[in-house]
Amino acid sequence: MIGSLMMCVGVVVLLVGMLAGIAMGVQQDFTLAPAHAHLNLVGGVLLFLFGLYYRLVPAAGNSRLAKVQGWLHIAGAILFPAGVAIVILKGTSFIAAPVVGSLIAVVAVALFAVIVLQTSRA
């Protein structure tokens, strides 16, 4: 089920993001703070929340659209912060990575909005 997968990926991504934050704190080097924040929020928190919705509303999580949305968001949630980190470390010649990652994530969130609007009860 896509909901369970998203929750599992979400907690792993959140753990990685938090460990990265601790490493930045220990080193007192917060250069990658934007990547860390996006990894935690877009990767950890949103993936878990989407997965939780799919578990709470099984009809939503069992749809083909939910599977597409889930895999898109997993890809975007990894590519976007990784791209931000690459741009910070290597320069703007790598700007395509966070742009593509953010667009993938936005499409996934838009699909989630469609799913919620179709499956939520007033």
PDB file of N, CA and C in Angstrom:
ATOM      1  N   MET A   1       0.839  -1.174   0.000  1.00  0.00           N
ATOM      2  CA  MET A   1       0.000   0.000   0.000  1.00  0.00           C
ATOM      3  C   MET A   1       0.888   1.242   0.000  1.00  0.00           C
ATOM      4  N   ILE A   2       0.555   2.212  -0.836  1.00  0.00           N
ATOM      5  CA  ILE A   2       1.361   3.407  -0.988  1.00  0.00           C
ATOM      6  C   ILE A   2       1.428   4.217   0.303  1.00  0.00           C
ATOM      7  N   GLY A   3       0.364   4.208   1.101  1.00  0.00           N
ATOM      8  CA  GLY A   3       0.370   4.946   2.358  1.00  0.00           C
ATOM      9  C   GLY A   3       1.443   4.458   3.314  1.00  0.00           C
ATOM     10  N   SER A   4       1.548   3.156   3.456  1.00  0.00           N
ATOM     11  CA  SER A   4       2.576   2.582   4.335  1.00  0.00           C
ATOM     12  C   SER A   4       3.972   2.888   3.808  1.00  0.00           C
ATOM     13  N   LEU A   5       4.153   2.776   2.503  1.00  0.00           N
ATOM     14  CA  LEU A   5       5.452   3.083   1.911  1.00  0.00           C
ATOM     15  C   LEU A   5       5.833   4.537   2.177  1.00  0.00           C
ATOM     16  N   MET A   6       4.883   5.445   1.974  1.00  0.00           N
ATOM     17  CA  MET A   6       5.176   6.866   2.183  1.00  0.00           C
ATOM     18  C   MET A   6       5.511   7.151   3.645  1.00  0.00           C
ATOM     19  N   MET A   7       4.799   6.511   4.567  1.00  0.00           N
ATOM     20  CA  MET A   7       5.106   6.716   5.982  1.00  0.00           C
ATOM     21  C   MET A   7       6.503   6.197   6.319  1.00  0.00           C
ATOM     22  N   CYS A   8       6.855   5.039   5.801  1.00  0.00           N
ATOM     23  CA  CYS A   8       8.181   4.468   6.071  1.00  0.00           C
ATOM     24  C   CYS A   8       9.292   5.324   5.460  1.00  0.00           C
ATOM     25  N   VAL A   9       9.118   5.723   4.204  1.00  0.00           N
ATOM     26  CA  VAL A   9      10.126   6.577   3.563  1.00  0.00           C
ATOM     27  C   VAL A   9      10.200   7.911   4.298  1.00  0.00           C
ATOM     28  N   GLY A  10       9.044   8.442   4.689  1.00  0.00           N
ATOM     29  CA  GLY A  10       9.007   9.713   5.394  1.00  0.00           C
ATOM     30  C   GLY A  10       9.805   9.698   6.691  1.00  0.00           C
ATOM     31  N   VAL A  11       9.651   8.651   7.503  1.00  0.00           N
ATOM     32  CA  VAL A  11      10.398   8.620   8.767  1.00  0.00           C
ATOM     33  C   VAL A  11      11.889   8.415   8.540  1.00  0.00           C
ATOM     34  N   VAL A  12      12.252   7.650   7.512  1.00  0.00           N
ATOM     35  CA  VAL A  12      13.678   7.468   7.212  1.00  0.00           C
ATOM     36  C   VAL A  12      14.283   8.787   6.731  1.00  0.00           C
ATOM     37  N   VAL A  13      13.577   9.474   5.833  1.00  0.00           N
ATOM     38  CA  VAL A  13      14.060  10.763   5.335  1.00  0.00           C
ATOM     39  C   VAL A  13      14.157  11.777   6.478  1.00  0.00           C
ATOM     40  N   LEU A  14      13.165  11.797   7.354  1.00  0.00           N
ATOM     41  CA  LEU A  14      13.195  12.708   8.494  1.00  0.00           C
ATOM     42  C   LEU A  14      14.384  12.414   9.406  1.00  0.00           C
ATOM     43  N   LEU A  15      14.641  11.151   9.647  1.00  0.00           N
ATOM     44  CA  LEU A  15      15.791  10.773  10.469  1.00  0.00           C
ATOM     45  C   LEU A  15      17.100  11.231   9.831  1.00  0.00           C
ATOM     46  N   VAL A  16      17.232  11.018   8.528  1.00  0.00           N
ATOM     47  CA  VAL A  16      18.436  11.465   7.818  1.00  0.00           C
ATOM     48  C   VAL A  16      18.561  12.987   7.918  1.00  0.00           C
ATOM     49  N   GLY A  17      17.456  13.692   7.724  1.00  0.00           N
ATOM     50  CA  GLY A  17      17.477  15.147   7.816  1.00  0.00           C
ATOM     51  C   GLY A  17      17.861  15.639   9.201  1.00  0.00           C
ATOM     52  N   MET A  18      17.328  14.987  10.224  1.00  0.00           N
ATOM     53  CA  MET A  18      17.665  15.391  11.588  1.00  0.00           C
ATOM     54  C   MET A  18      19.125  15.095  11.915  1.00  0.00           C
ATOM     55  N   LEU A  19      19.628  13.954  11.463  1.00  0.00           N
ATOM     56  CA  LEU A  19      21.040  13.633  11.682  1.00  0.00           C
ATOM     57  C   LEU A  19      21.947  14.625  10.956  1.00  0.00           C
ATOM     58  N   ALA A  20      21.526  15.040   9.761  1.00  0.00           N
ATOM     59  CA  ALA A  20      22.291  16.068   9.039  1.00  0.00           C
ATOM     60  C   ALA A  20      22.292  17.380   9.823  1.00  0.00           C
ATOM     61  N   GLY A  21      21.155  17.716  10.421  1.00  0.00           N
ATOM     62  CA  GLY A  21      21.075  18.925  11.235  1.00  0.00           C
ATOM     63  C   GLY A  21      21.978  18.849  12.453  1.00  0.00           C
ATOM     64  N   ILE A  22      22.015  17.695  13.089  1.00  0.00           N
ATOM     65  CA  ILE A  22      22.913  17.513  14.241  1.00  0.00           C
ATOM     66  C   ILE A  22      24.368  17.637  13.801  1.00  0.00           C
ATOM     67  N   ALA A  23      24.698  17.034  12.655  1.00  0.00           N
ATOM     68  CA  ALA A  23      26.071  17.132  12.151  1.00  0.00           C
ATOM     69  C   ALA A  23      26.440  18.582  11.869  1.00  0.00           C
ATOM     70  N   MET A  24      25.503  19.352  11.294  1.00  0.00           N
ATOM     71  CA  MET A  24      25.774  20.769  11.050  1.00  0.00           C
ATOM     72  C   MET A  24      26.005  21.497  12.368  1.00  0.00           C
ATOM     73  N   GLY A  25      25.219  21.176  13.372  1.00  0.00           N
ATOM     74  CA  GLY A  25      25.370  21.814  14.674  1.00  0.00           C
ATOM     75  C   GLY A  25      26.695  21.493  15.330  1.00  0.00           C
ATOM     76  N   VAL A  26      27.094  20.236  15.256  1.00  0.00           N
ATOM     77  CA  VAL A  26      28.370  19.824  15.836  1.00  0.00           C
ATOM     78  C   VAL A  26      29.529  20.551  15.150  1.00  0.00           C
ATOM     79  N   GLN A  27      29.440  20.678  13.833  1.00  0.00           N
ATOM     80  CA  GLN A  27      30.504  21.328  13.057  1.00  0.00           C
ATOM     81  C   GLN A  27      30.384  22.850  13.054  1.00  0.00           C
ATOM     82  N   GLN A  28      29.237  23.357  13.549  1.00  0.00           N
ATOM     83  CA  GLN A  28      28.952  24.794  13.507  1.00  0.00           C
ATOM     84  C   GLN A  28      29.068  25.345  12.087  1.00  0.00           C
ATOM     85  N   ASP A  29      28.620  24.547  11.125  1.00  0.00           N
ATOM     86  CA  ASP A  29      28.610  24.937   9.717  1.00  0.00           C
ATOM     87  C   ASP A  29      27.194  24.701   9.194  1.00  0.00           C
ATOM     88  N   PHE A  30      26.463  25.780   9.013  1.00  0.00           N
ATOM     89  CA  PHE A  30      25.059  25.691   8.624  1.00  0.00           C
ATOM     90  C   PHE A  30      24.839  26.041   7.155  1.00  0.00           C
ATOM     91  N   THR A  31      25.867  25.828   6.368  1.00  0.00           N
ATOM     92  CA  THR A  31      25.800  26.126   4.942  1.00  0.00           C
ATOM     93  C   THR A  31      24.649  25.394   4.267  1.00  0.00           C
ATOM     94  N   LEU A  32      24.437  24.157   4.649  1.00  0.00           N
ATOM     95  CA  LEU A  32      23.415  23.332   4.004  1.00  0.00           C
ATOM     96  C   LEU A  32      22.061  23.379   4.731  1.00  0.00           C
ATOM     97  N   ALA A  33      21.852  24.380   5.574  1.00  0.00           N
ATOM     98  CA  ALA A  33      20.583  24.496   6.310  1.00  0.00           C
ATOM     99  C   ALA A  33      19.358  24.521   5.389  1.00  0.00           C
ATOM    100  N   PRO A  34      19.389  25.209   4.240  1.00  0.00           N
ATOM    101  CA  PRO A  34      18.204  25.169   3.362  1.00  0.00           C
ATOM    102  C   PRO A  34      17.890  23.753   2.858  1.00  0.00           C
ATOM    103  N   ALA A  35      18.912  22.999   2.522  1.00  0.00           N
ATOM    104  CA  ALA A  35      18.692  21.619   2.064  1.00  0.00           C
ATOM    105  C   ALA A  35      18.148  20.767   3.212  1.00  0.00           C
ATOM    106  N   HIS A  36      18.698  20.954   4.391  1.00  0.00           N
ATOM    107  CA  HIS A  36      18.252  20.233   5.585  1.00  0.00           C
ATOM    108  C   HIS A  36      16.774  20.527   5.867  1.00  0.00           C
ATOM    109  N   ALA A  37      16.387  21.777   5.799  1.00  0.00           N
ATOM    110  CA  ALA A  37      14.998  22.165   6.076  1.00  0.00           C
ATOM    111  C   ALA A  37      14.042  21.568   5.051  1.00  0.00           C
ATOM    112  N   HIS A  38      14.412  21.623   3.775  1.00  0.00           N
ATOM    113  CA  HIS A  38      13.550  21.065   2.730  1.00  0.00           C
ATOM    114  C   HIS A  38      13.464  19.544   2.835  1.00  0.00           C
ATOM    115  N   LEU A  39      14.559  18.908   3.197  1.00  0.00           N
ATOM    116  CA  LEU A  39      14.545  17.454   3.375  1.00  0.00           C
ATOM    117  C   LEU A  39      13.574  17.070   4.491  1.00  0.00           C
ATOM    118  N   ASN A  40      13.640  17.799   5.613  1.00  0.00           N
ATOM    119  CA  ASN A  40      12.756  17.496   6.740  1.00  0.00           C
ATOM    120  C   ASN A  40      11.295  17.762   6.401  1.00  0.00           C
ATOM    121  N   LEU A  41      11.014  18.910   5.816  1.00  0.00           N
ATOM    122  CA  LEU A  41       9.615  19.280   5.582  1.00  0.00           C
ATOM    123  C   LEU A  41       9.024  18.559   4.372  1.00  0.00           C
ATOM    124  N   VAL A  42       9.634  18.728   3.211  1.00  0.00           N
ATOM    125  CA  VAL A  42       9.083  18.141   1.985  1.00  0.00           C
ATOM    126  C   VAL A  42       9.244  16.624   1.998  1.00  0.00           C
ATOM    127  N   GLY A  43      10.367  16.161   2.513  1.00  0.00           N
ATOM    128  CA  GLY A  43      10.607  14.726   2.549  1.00  0.00           C
ATOM    129  C   GLY A  43       9.965  14.043   3.732  1.00  0.00           C
ATOM    130  N   GLY A  44      10.353  14.446   4.927  1.00  0.00           N
ATOM    131  CA  GLY A  44       9.880  13.750   6.119  1.00  0.00           C
ATOM    132  C   GLY A  44       8.428  14.017   6.457  1.00  0.00           C
ATOM    133  N   VAL A  45       8.106  15.270   6.688  1.00  0.00           N
ATOM    134  CA  VAL A  45       6.775  15.620   7.200  1.00  0.00           C
ATOM    135  C   VAL A  45       5.682  15.372   6.158  1.00  0.00           C
ATOM    136  N   LEU A  46       5.859  15.899   4.948  1.00  0.00           N
ATOM    137  CA  LEU A  46       4.803  15.749   3.947  1.00  0.00           C
ATOM    138  C   LEU A  46       4.592  14.290   3.552  1.00  0.00           C
ATOM    139  N   LEU A  47       5.674  13.547   3.359  1.00  0.00           N
ATOM    140  CA  LEU A  47       5.501  12.135   3.009  1.00  0.00           C
ATOM    141  C   LEU A  47       4.717  11.399   4.093  1.00  0.00           C
ATOM    142  N   PHE A  48       5.047  11.675   5.345  1.00  0.00           N
ATOM    143  CA  PHE A  48       4.341  10.991   6.426  1.00  0.00           C
ATOM    144  C   PHE A  48       2.873  11.396   6.468  1.00  0.00           C
ATOM    145  N   LEU A  49       2.602  12.688   6.317  1.00  0.00           N
ATOM    146  CA  LEU A  49       1.210  13.145   6.339  1.00  0.00           C
ATOM    147  C   LEU A  49       0.400  12.566   5.185  1.00  0.00           C
ATOM    148  N   PHE A  50       0.985  12.537   3.988  1.00  0.00           N
ATOM    149  CA  PHE A  50       0.282  11.954   2.854  1.00  0.00           C
ATOM    150  C   PHE A  50      -0.005  10.487   3.128  1.00  0.00           C
ATOM    151  N   GLY A  51       1.007   9.772   3.621  1.00  0.00           N
ATOM    152  CA  GLY A  51       0.828   8.355   3.929  1.00  0.00           C
ATOM    153  C   GLY A  51      -0.232   8.128   4.986  1.00  0.00           C
ATOM    154  N   LEU A  52      -0.266   8.994   5.975  1.00  0.00           N
ATOM    155  CA  LEU A  52      -1.269   8.891   7.032  1.00  0.00           C
ATOM    156  C   LEU A  52      -2.679   9.086   6.464  1.00  0.00           C
ATOM    157  N   TYR A  53      -2.839  10.055   5.583  1.00  0.00           N
ATOM    158  CA  TYR A  53      -4.144  10.264   4.952  1.00  0.00           C
ATOM    159  C   TYR A  53      -4.569   9.015   4.177  1.00  0.00           C
ATOM    160  N   TYR A  54      -3.628   8.452   3.434  1.00  0.00           N
ATOM    161  CA  TYR A  54      -3.958   7.256   2.658  1.00  0.00           C
ATOM    162  C   TYR A  54      -4.320   6.073   3.553  1.00  0.00           C
ATOM    163  N   ARG A  55      -3.710   5.995   4.718  1.00  0.00           N
ATOM    164  CA  ARG A  55      -4.066   4.924   5.660  1.00  0.00           C
ATOM    165  C   ARG A  55      -5.425   5.191   6.297  1.00  0.00           C
ATOM    166  N   LEU A  56      -5.741   6.463   6.564  1.00  0.00           N
ATOM    167  CA  LEU A  56      -7.015   6.812   7.197  1.00  0.00           C
ATOM    168  C   LEU A  56      -8.181   6.768   6.222  1.00  0.00           C
ATOM    169  N   VAL A  57      -7.896   6.996   4.947  1.00  0.00           N
ATOM    170  CA  VAL A  57      -8.930   6.975   3.908  1.00  0.00           C
ATOM    171  C   VAL A  57      -8.490   5.935   2.867  1.00  0.00           C
ATOM    172  N   PRO A  58      -8.746   4.661   3.145  1.00  0.00           N
ATOM    173  CA  PRO A  58      -8.239   3.596   2.274  1.00  0.00           C
ATOM    174  C   PRO A  58      -8.653   3.738   0.809  1.00  0.00           C
ATOM    175  N   ALA A  59      -9.837   4.266   0.554  1.00  0.00           N
ATOM    176  CA  ALA A  59     -10.268   4.441  -0.840  1.00  0.00           C
ATOM    177  C   ALA A  59      -9.317   5.381  -1.582  1.00  0.00           C
ATOM    178  N   ALA A  60      -8.791   6.371  -0.883  1.00  0.00           N
ATOM    179  CA  ALA A  60      -7.845   7.296  -1.513  1.00  0.00           C
ATOM    180  C   ALA A  60      -6.508   6.608  -1.764  1.00  0.00           C
ATOM    181  N   GLY A  61      -6.038   5.859  -0.793  1.00  0.00           N
ATOM    182  CA  GLY A  61      -4.736   5.206  -0.906  1.00  0.00           C
ATOM    183  C   GLY A  61      -4.697   4.052  -1.877  1.00  0.00           C
ATOM    184  N   ASN A  62      -5.843   3.477  -2.192  1.00  0.00           N
ATOM    185  CA  ASN A  62      -5.877   2.336  -3.106  1.00  0.00           C
ATOM    186  C   ASN A  62      -5.998   2.748  -4.569  1.00  0.00           C
ATOM    187  N   SER A  63      -6.137   4.026  -4.824  1.00  0.00           N
ATOM    188  CA  SER A  63      -6.310   4.470  -6.204  1.00  0.00           C
ATOM    189  C   SER A  63      -4.981   4.476  -6.961  1.00  0.00           C
ATOM    190  N   ARG A  64      -5.096   4.356  -8.266  1.00  0.00           N
ATOM    191  CA  ARG A  64      -3.905   4.423  -9.124  1.00  0.00           C
ATOM    192  C   ARG A  64      -3.263   5.810  -9.024  1.00  0.00           C
ATOM    193  N   LEU A  65      -4.097   6.839  -8.926  1.00  0.00           N
ATOM    194  CA  LEU A  65      -3.585   8.209  -8.814  1.00  0.00           C
ATOM    195  C   LEU A  65      -2.743   8.377  -7.551  1.00  0.00           C
ATOM    196  N   ALA A  66      -3.137   7.726  -6.452  1.00  0.00           N
ATOM    197  CA  ALA A  66      -2.367   7.800  -5.211  1.00  0.00           C
ATOM    198  C   ALA A  66      -0.982   7.189  -5.381  1.00  0.00           C
ATOM    199  N   LYS A  67      -0.904   6.093  -6.111  1.00  0.00           N
ATOM    200  CA  LYS A  67       0.390   5.462  -6.353  1.00  0.00           C
ATOM    201  C   LYS A  67       1.297   6.377  -7.174  1.00  0.00           C
ATOM    202  N   VAL A  68       0.737   6.996  -8.200  1.00  0.00           N
ATOM    203  CA  VAL A  68       1.503   7.950  -9.019  1.00  0.00           C
ATOM    204  C   VAL A  68       1.949   9.117  -8.149  1.00  0.00           C
ATOM    205  N   GLN A  69       1.010   9.653  -7.367  1.00  0.00           N
ATOM    206  CA  GLN A  69       1.320  10.787  -6.497  1.00  0.00           C
ATOM    207  C   GLN A  69       2.414  10.409  -5.494  1.00  0.00           C
ATOM    208  N   GLY A  70       2.292   9.255  -4.900  1.00  0.00           N
ATOM    209  CA  GLY A  70       3.271   8.821  -3.898  1.00  0.00           C
ATOM    210  C   GLY A  70       4.674   8.697  -4.468  1.00  0.00           C
ATOM    211  N   TRP A  71       4.799   8.013  -5.584  1.00  0.00           N
ATOM    212  CA  TRP A  71       6.127   7.839  -6.188  1.00  0.00           C
ATOM    213  C   TRP A  71       6.699   9.163  -6.692  1.00  0.00           C
ATOM    214  N   LEU A  72       5.833  10.015  -7.239  1.00  0.00           N
ATOM    215  CA  LEU A  72       6.314  11.340  -7.658  1.00  0.00           C
ATOM    216  C   LEU A  72       6.835  12.134  -6.463  1.00  0.00           C
ATOM    217  N   HIS A  73       6.082  12.104  -5.366  1.00  0.00           N
ATOM    218  CA  HIS A  73       6.522  12.887  -4.213  1.00  0.00           C
ATOM    219  C   HIS A  73       7.799  12.318  -3.606  1.00  0.00           C
ATOM    220  N   ILE A  74       7.927  11.011  -3.567  1.00  0.00           N
ATOM    221  CA  ILE A  74       9.176  10.415  -3.066  1.00  0.00           C
ATOM    222  C   ILE A  74      10.350  10.905  -3.908  1.00  0.00           C
ATOM    223  N   ALA A  75      10.197  10.870  -5.232  1.00  0.00           N
ATOM    224  CA  ALA A  75      11.275  11.336  -6.118  1.00  0.00           C
ATOM    225  C   ALA A  75      11.565  12.818  -5.907  1.00  0.00           C
ATOM    226  N   GLY A  76      10.521  13.638  -5.886  1.00  0.00           N
ATOM    227  CA  GLY A  76      10.708  15.072  -5.712  1.00  0.00           C
ATOM    228  C   GLY A  76      11.274  15.429  -4.356  1.00  0.00           C
ATOM    229  N   ALA A  77      10.846  14.704  -3.317  1.00  0.00           N
ATOM    230  CA  ALA A  77      11.290  14.978  -1.952  1.00  0.00           C
ATOM    231  C   ALA A  77      12.761  14.648  -1.747  1.00  0.00           C
ATOM    232  N   ILE A  78      13.306  13.817  -2.594  1.00  0.00           N
ATOM    233  CA  ILE A  78      14.740  13.501  -2.521  1.00  0.00           C
ATOM    234  C   ILE A  78      15.530  14.402  -3.464  1.00  0.00           C
ATOM    235  N   LEU A  79      15.048  14.551  -4.694  1.00  0.00           N
ATOM    236  CA  LEU A  79      15.769  15.349  -5.685  1.00  0.00           C
ATOM    237  C   LEU A  79      15.829  16.829  -5.321  1.00  0.00           C
ATOM    238  N   PHE A  80      14.735  17.382  -4.797  1.00  0.00           N
ATOM    239  CA  PHE A  80      14.695  18.808  -4.482  1.00  0.00           C
ATOM    240  C   PHE A  80      15.754  19.202  -3.443  1.00  0.00           C
ATOM    241  N   PRO A  81      15.767  18.612  -2.240  1.00  0.00           N
ATOM    242  CA  PRO A  81      16.794  19.022  -1.278  1.00  0.00           C
ATOM    243  C   PRO A  81      18.207  18.636  -1.697  1.00  0.00           C
ATOM    244  N   ALA A  82      18.348  17.499  -2.379  1.00  0.00           N
ATOM    245  CA  ALA A  82      19.673  17.127  -2.878  1.00  0.00           C
ATOM    246  C   ALA A  82      20.150  18.164  -3.884  1.00  0.00           C
ATOM    247  N   GLY A  83      19.254  18.624  -4.745  1.00  0.00           N
ATOM    248  CA  GLY A  83      19.598  19.658  -5.713  1.00  0.00           C
ATOM    249  C   GLY A  83      19.954  20.965  -5.045  1.00  0.00           C
ATOM    250  N   VAL A  84      19.225  21.327  -3.989  1.00  0.00           N
ATOM    251  CA  VAL A  84      19.560  22.543  -3.243  1.00  0.00           C
ATOM    252  C   VAL A  84      20.976  22.427  -2.678  1.00  0.00           C
ATOM    253  N   ALA A  85      21.295  21.278  -2.110  1.00  0.00           N
ATOM    254  CA  ALA A  85      22.635  21.065  -1.555  1.00  0.00           C
ATOM    255  C   ALA A  85      23.704  21.151  -2.645  1.00  0.00           C
ATOM    256  N   ILE A  86      23.443  20.565  -3.791  1.00  0.00           N
ATOM    257  CA  ILE A  86      24.412  20.599  -4.890  1.00  0.00           C
ATOM    258  C   ILE A  86      24.647  22.034  -5.355  1.00  0.00           C
ATOM    259  N   VAL A  87      23.583  22.808  -5.485  1.00  0.00           N
ATOM    260  CA  VAL A  87      23.723  24.206  -5.906  1.00  0.00           C
ATOM    261  C   VAL A  87      24.528  24.991  -4.878  1.00  0.00           C
ATOM    262  N   ILE A  88      24.250  24.768  -3.597  1.00  0.00           N
ATOM    263  CA  ILE A  88      24.995  25.475  -2.547  1.00  0.00           C
ATOM    264  C   ILE A  88      26.474  25.120  -2.606  1.00  0.00           C
ATOM    265  N   LEU A  89      26.779  23.850  -2.814  1.00  0.00           N
ATOM    266  CA  LEU A  89      28.166  23.390  -2.787  1.00  0.00           C
ATOM    267  C   LEU A  89      28.913  23.581  -4.105  1.00  0.00           C
ATOM    268  N   LYS A  90      28.203  23.436  -5.223  1.00  0.00           N
ATOM    269  CA  LYS A  90      28.877  23.423  -6.531  1.00  0.00           C
ATOM    270  C   LYS A  90      28.558  24.611  -7.414  1.00  0.00           C
ATOM    271  N   GLY A  91      27.525  25.365  -7.079  1.00  0.00           N
ATOM    272  CA  GLY A  91      27.211  26.555  -7.862  1.00  0.00           C
ATOM    273  C   GLY A  91      25.952  26.418  -8.698  1.00  0.00           C
ATOM    274  N   THR A  92      25.570  27.542  -9.264  1.00  0.00           N
ATOM    275  CA  THR A  92      24.297  27.627  -9.965  1.00  0.00           C
ATOM    276  C   THR A  92      24.267  26.908 -11.308  1.00  0.00           C
ATOM    277  N   SER A  93      25.375  26.392 -11.759  1.00  0.00           N
ATOM    278  CA  SER A  93      25.339  25.629 -13.004  1.00  0.00           C
ATOM    279  C   SER A  93      24.545  24.326 -12.836  1.00  0.00           C
ATOM    280  N   PHE A  94      24.255  23.969 -11.600  1.00  0.00           N
ATOM    281  CA  PHE A  94      23.480  22.757 -11.309  1.00  0.00           C
ATOM    282  C   PHE A  94      22.036  23.075 -10.910  1.00  0.00           C
ATOM    283  N   ILE A  95      21.569  24.265 -11.264  1.00  0.00           N
ATOM    284  CA  ILE A  95      20.251  24.739 -10.840  1.00  0.00           C
ATOM    285  C   ILE A  95      19.103  23.852 -11.332  1.00  0.00           C
ATOM    286  N   ALA A  96      19.330  23.111 -12.391  1.00  0.00           N
ATOM    287  CA  ALA A  96      18.264  22.254 -12.931  1.00  0.00           C
ATOM    288  C   ALA A  96      17.806  21.205 -11.914  1.00  0.00           C
ATOM    289  N   ALA A  97      18.705  20.716 -11.084  1.00  0.00           N
ATOM    290  CA  ALA A  97      18.341  19.659 -10.129  1.00  0.00           C
ATOM    291  C   ALA A  97      17.269  20.122  -9.136  1.00  0.00           C
ATOM    292  N   PRO A  98      17.465  21.227  -8.415  1.00  0.00           N
ATOM    293  CA  PRO A  98      16.396  21.627  -7.494  1.00  0.00           C
ATOM    294  C   PRO A  98      15.147  22.129  -8.207  1.00  0.00           C
ATOM    295  N   VAL A  99      15.307  22.705  -9.388  1.00  0.00           N
ATOM    296  CA  VAL A  99      14.132  23.169 -10.133  1.00  0.00           C
ATOM    297  C   VAL A  99      13.267  21.977 -10.525  1.00  0.00           C
ATOM    298  N   VAL A 100      13.883  20.959 -11.105  1.00  0.00           N
ATOM    299  CA  VAL A 100      13.134  19.763 -11.501  1.00  0.00           C
ATOM    300  C   VAL A 100      12.540  19.080 -10.270  1.00  0.00           C
ATOM    301  N   GLY A 101      13.339  18.956  -9.209  1.00  0.00           N
ATOM    302  CA  GLY A 101      12.848  18.332  -7.983  1.00  0.00           C
ATOM    303  C   GLY A 101      11.662  19.072  -7.392  1.00  0.00           C
ATOM    304  N   SER A 102      11.733  20.406  -7.382  1.00  0.00           N
ATOM    305  CA  SER A 102      10.630  21.186  -6.816  1.00  0.00           C
ATOM    306  C   SER A 102       9.388  21.088  -7.687  1.00  0.00           C
ATOM    307  N   LEU A 103       9.562  21.051  -8.990  1.00  0.00           N
ATOM    308  CA  LEU A 103       8.405  20.920  -9.880  1.00  0.00           C
ATOM    309  C   LEU A 103       7.739  19.553  -9.733  1.00  0.00           C
ATOM    310  N   ILE A 104       8.544  18.528  -9.576  1.00  0.00           N
ATOM    311  CA  ILE A 104       7.991  17.188  -9.335  1.00  0.00           C
ATOM    312  C   ILE A 104       7.198  17.185  -8.036  1.00  0.00           C
ATOM    313  N   ALA A 105       7.752  17.797  -6.980  1.00  0.00           N
ATOM    314  CA  ALA A 105       7.070  17.848  -5.690  1.00  0.00           C
ATOM    315  C   ALA A 105       5.769  18.647  -5.785  1.00  0.00           C
ATOM    316  N   VAL A 106       5.778  19.752  -6.527  1.00  0.00           N
ATOM    317  CA  VAL A 106       4.564  20.564  -6.676  1.00  0.00           C
ATOM    318  C   VAL A 106       3.479  19.788  -7.428  1.00  0.00           C
ATOM    319  N   VAL A 107       3.865  19.075  -8.450  1.00  0.00           N
ATOM    320  CA  VAL A 107       2.889  18.252  -9.178  1.00  0.00           C
ATOM    321  C   VAL A 107       2.311  17.191  -8.241  1.00  0.00           C
ATOM    322  N   ALA A 108       3.173  16.582  -7.422  1.00  0.00           N
ATOM    323  CA  ALA A 108       2.702  15.563  -6.484  1.00  0.00           C
ATOM    324  C   ALA A 108       1.724  16.165  -5.468  1.00  0.00           C
ATOM    325  N   VAL A 109       2.011  17.365  -4.978  1.00  0.00           N
ATOM    326  CA  VAL A 109       1.105  18.013  -4.027  1.00  0.00           C
ATOM    327  C   VAL A 109      -0.216  18.371  -4.717  1.00  0.00           C
ATOM    328  N   ALA A 110      -0.150  18.816  -5.956  1.00  0.00           N
ATOM    329  CA  ALA A 110      -1.378  19.122  -6.696  1.00  0.00           C
ATOM    330  C   ALA A 110      -2.215  17.859  -6.883  1.00  0.00           C
ATOM    331  N   LEU A 111      -1.572  16.749  -7.197  1.00  0.00           N
ATOM    332  CA  LEU A 111      -2.301  15.477  -7.311  1.00  0.00           C
ATOM    333  C   LEU A 111      -2.916  15.087  -5.973  1.00  0.00           C
ATOM    334  N   PHE A 112      -2.180  15.327  -4.895  1.00  0.00           N
ATOM    335  CA  PHE A 112      -2.728  15.022  -3.574  1.00  0.00           C
ATOM    336  C   PHE A 112      -3.955  15.879  -3.291  1.00  0.00           C
ATOM    337  N   ALA A 113      -3.912  17.141  -3.682  1.00  0.00           N
ATOM    338  CA  ALA A 113      -5.073  18.012  -3.503  1.00  0.00           C
ATOM    339  C   ALA A 113      -6.282  17.461  -4.253  1.00  0.00           C
ATOM    340  N   VAL A 114      -6.071  16.997  -5.474  1.00  0.00           N
ATOM    341  CA  VAL A 114      -7.163  16.393  -6.243  1.00  0.00           C
ATOM    342  C   VAL A 114      -7.713  15.169  -5.509  1.00  0.00           C
ATOM    343  N   ILE A 115      -6.814  14.336  -5.014  1.00  0.00           N
ATOM    344  CA  ILE A 115      -7.225  13.111  -4.310  1.00  0.00           C
ATOM    345  C   ILE A 115      -8.036  13.460  -3.066  1.00  0.00           C
ATOM    346  N   VAL A 116      -7.552  14.417  -2.292  1.00  0.00           N
ATOM    347  CA  VAL A 116      -8.265  14.803  -1.066  1.00  0.00           C
ATOM    348  C   VAL A 116      -9.641  15.370  -1.405  1.00  0.00           C
ATOM    349  N   LEU A 117      -9.702  16.233  -2.411  1.00  0.00           N
ATOM    350  CA  LEU A 117     -10.985  16.808  -2.790  1.00  0.00           C
ATOM    351  C   LEU A 117     -11.967  15.753  -3.287  1.00  0.00           C
ATOM    352  N   GLN A 118     -11.438  14.714  -3.900  1.00  0.00           N
ATOM    353  CA  GLN A 118     -12.311  13.647  -4.403  1.00  0.00           C
ATOM    354  C   GLN A 118     -12.758  12.685  -3.303  1.00  0.00           C
ATOM    355  N   THR A 119     -11.962  12.547  -2.244  1.00  0.00           N
ATOM    356  CA  THR A 119     -12.222  11.474  -1.276  1.00  0.00           C
ATOM    357  C   THR A 119     -12.603  11.942   0.120  1.00  0.00           C
ATOM    358  N   SER A 120     -12.458  13.211   0.409  1.00  0.00           N
ATOM    359  CA  SER A 120     -12.771  13.671   1.766  1.00  0.00           C
ATOM    360  C   SER A 120     -14.279  13.819   1.930  1.00  0.00           C
ATOM    361  N   ARG A 121     -14.711  13.645   3.128  1.00  0.00           N
ATOM    362  CA  ARG A 121     -16.133  13.794   3.461  1.00  0.00           C
ATOM    363  C   ARG A 121     -16.311  15.116   4.180  1.00  0.00           C
ATOM    364  N   ALA A 122     -17.347  15.834   3.849  1.00  0.00           N
ATOM    365  CA  ALA A 122     -17.597  17.140   4.468  1.00  0.00           C
ATOM    366  C   ALA A 122     -17.983  16.964   5.930  1.00  0.00           C
TER     367      ALA A 122
END
